[in-house]
C-alpha atoms as a PDB file:
ATOM      1  CA  MET A   1      -9.841  -8.635  -8.345  1.00  0.00           C
ATOM      2  CA  THR A   2     -11.461 -11.597  -6.636  1.00  0.00           C
ATOM      3  CA  LEU A   3     -13.790 -14.118  -8.225  1.00  0.00           C
ATOM      4  CA  GLU A   4     -15.971 -16.464  -6.186  1.00  0.00           C
ATOM      5  CA  ILE A   5     -17.850 -19.404  -7.652  1.00  0.00           C
ATOM      6  CA  VAL A   6     -20.941 -20.027  -5.534  1.00  0.00           C
ATOM      7  CA  THR A   7     -23.870 -22.414  -5.582  1.00  0.00           C
ATOM      8  CA  GLU A   8     -27.413 -21.331  -6.435  1.00  0.00           C
ATOM      9  CA  GLU A   9     -28.251 -21.621  -2.722  1.00  0.00           C
ATOM     10  CA  GLU A  10     -25.375 -19.298  -1.745  1.00  0.00           C
ATOM     11  CA  LYS A  11     -26.492 -16.832  -4.417  1.00  0.00           C
ATOM     12  CA  GLU A  12     -29.936 -16.642  -2.803  1.00  0.00           C
ATOM     13  CA  GLU A  13     -28.476 -16.307   0.725  1.00  0.00           C
ATOM     14  CA  ARG A  14     -25.949 -13.567  -0.158  1.00  0.00           C
ATOM     15  CA  PRO A  15     -27.397 -11.277  -2.854  1.00  0.00           C
ATOM     16  CA  ALA A  16     -25.213  -8.567  -4.366  1.00  0.00           C
ATOM     17  CA  GLY A  17     -26.122  -5.516  -6.451  1.00  0.00           C
ATOM     18  CA  GLN A  18     -24.211  -4.016  -9.368  1.00  0.00           C
ATOM     19  CA  GLY A  19     -21.364  -1.814  -8.134  1.00  0.00           C
ATOM     20  CA  ARG A  20     -22.594   0.158  -5.098  1.00  0.00           C
ATOM     21  CA  ASP A  21     -26.287  -0.494  -5.838  1.00  0.00           C
ATOM     22  CA  GLU A  22     -28.376  -2.234  -3.178  1.00  0.00           C
ATOM     23  CA  PRO A  23     -27.902  -4.777  -1.766  1.00  0.00           C
ATOM     24  CA  ASN A  24     -24.362  -3.507  -1.191  1.00  0.00           C
ATOM     25  CA  MET A  25     -23.128  -6.045   1.348  1.00  0.00           C
ATOM     26  CA  ASN A  26     -21.116  -8.818  -0.257  1.00  0.00           C
ATOM     27  CA  PRO A  27     -18.596  -7.269  -0.331  1.00  0.00           C
ATOM     28  CA  LYS A  28     -19.549  -3.854   1.056  1.00  0.00           C
ATOM     29  CA  LEU A  29     -18.255  -1.173  -1.331  1.00  0.00           C
ATOM     30  CA  GLU A  30     -17.696   2.176   0.383  1.00  0.00           C
ATOM     31  CA  GLN A  31     -17.948   5.520  -1.428  1.00  0.00           C
ATOM     32  CA  PRO A  32     -14.519   6.765  -2.601  1.00  0.00           C
END
């Protein structure tokens, strides 16, 4: 498991969804 602490600005620049929900890009989670 990896935990990143980011600023509010970084949060806006790199959105992430729950699990494999969109936006699925940070990090990209592939289907098993």
